Amino acid sequence: MYNNISKKVVAITGASSGIGEAAARLLAANGAHVVLGARRRDRLEAAVKAIRAEGGSAEYQALDVTSREQMEAFIGFAKDKFGHVDVIVNNAGVMPLSKLEALKVDEWDRMIDVNIRGVLHGIAAGLPIMQKQGFGQFINVASIGAYGVVPTAAVYSATKYAVRAITDGLRQEVGNGIRVTLVSPGVTESELADHISDEEARQQMKEYRRISISAAAVARTILFAMEQPEEVDVNEIIVRPTASSN
């Protein structure tokens, strides 16, 4: 067990599946108190039950990251339950890809709301707490889409470029004691592609995702960033399948 993971209080958004759920399970297995947030209450209940059955410490609260009020309540719940907040993993994201000419404006807005505002809401809710307690860590999950653009991914990549910029800006602004990490996964097994409504983009993504890594692999990356000594701030990690050229 990692001594500097044990007893840490970790709030994770988008924790009902994929990377968020995998991170919650791994961190709890290493002694952290995990607080899971997502919209699907039934999935949260099942994940928390499984973590507790394995001896881990887990709580949950239903959360829509696009609501600042819900995010503040979520982070406040974690603090009230355990007395402080060590880490906030801003992981929630959506990826309904399509070409710009398809004019799926509602989907553009949804990506902006979840992928950008959701991260900002997490920072707004957690930063005052961390500044007051004098320690903490933000781990923001972006994507390799934060480093390049391909057809159908213009808006998605724009949101992830934004997360990358916000994360680096936060790193430069916060004082000693608060660490800031950007984790950018390559193609990862998840439900993200299941919500692509554009048929052309959906078929392209099926081929693109033939080579992928597990959500557990990304969870190990999050664990790595957390387990470093407090004076070490791992700022930016890209993790992708070994066999992938993307």
Foldseek 3Di string as FASTA:
>chain_A
DQPLLAAAEEEEEPCLWFLNVLLQLVSQVVHYAYEYEEQDVVSQVVSCVVSVVVVGHYHYDYADLLDLVRLLVSLVVSCVVRVAHAEYELEDAAAQFDAVVVVPVVVLVVRCSRLASSLVSNCVNRVVRCVVVQAHEYEYEAACLLVDDDGRCPSNSVSRVNVLVVQVVVQVPDDQHYATAYEHEYQEDTCRLVPHPDPVVSVVVVVVNPFWYYSNVSSVVVVVQSSDPSVDHHHYYYYTGPPDPD
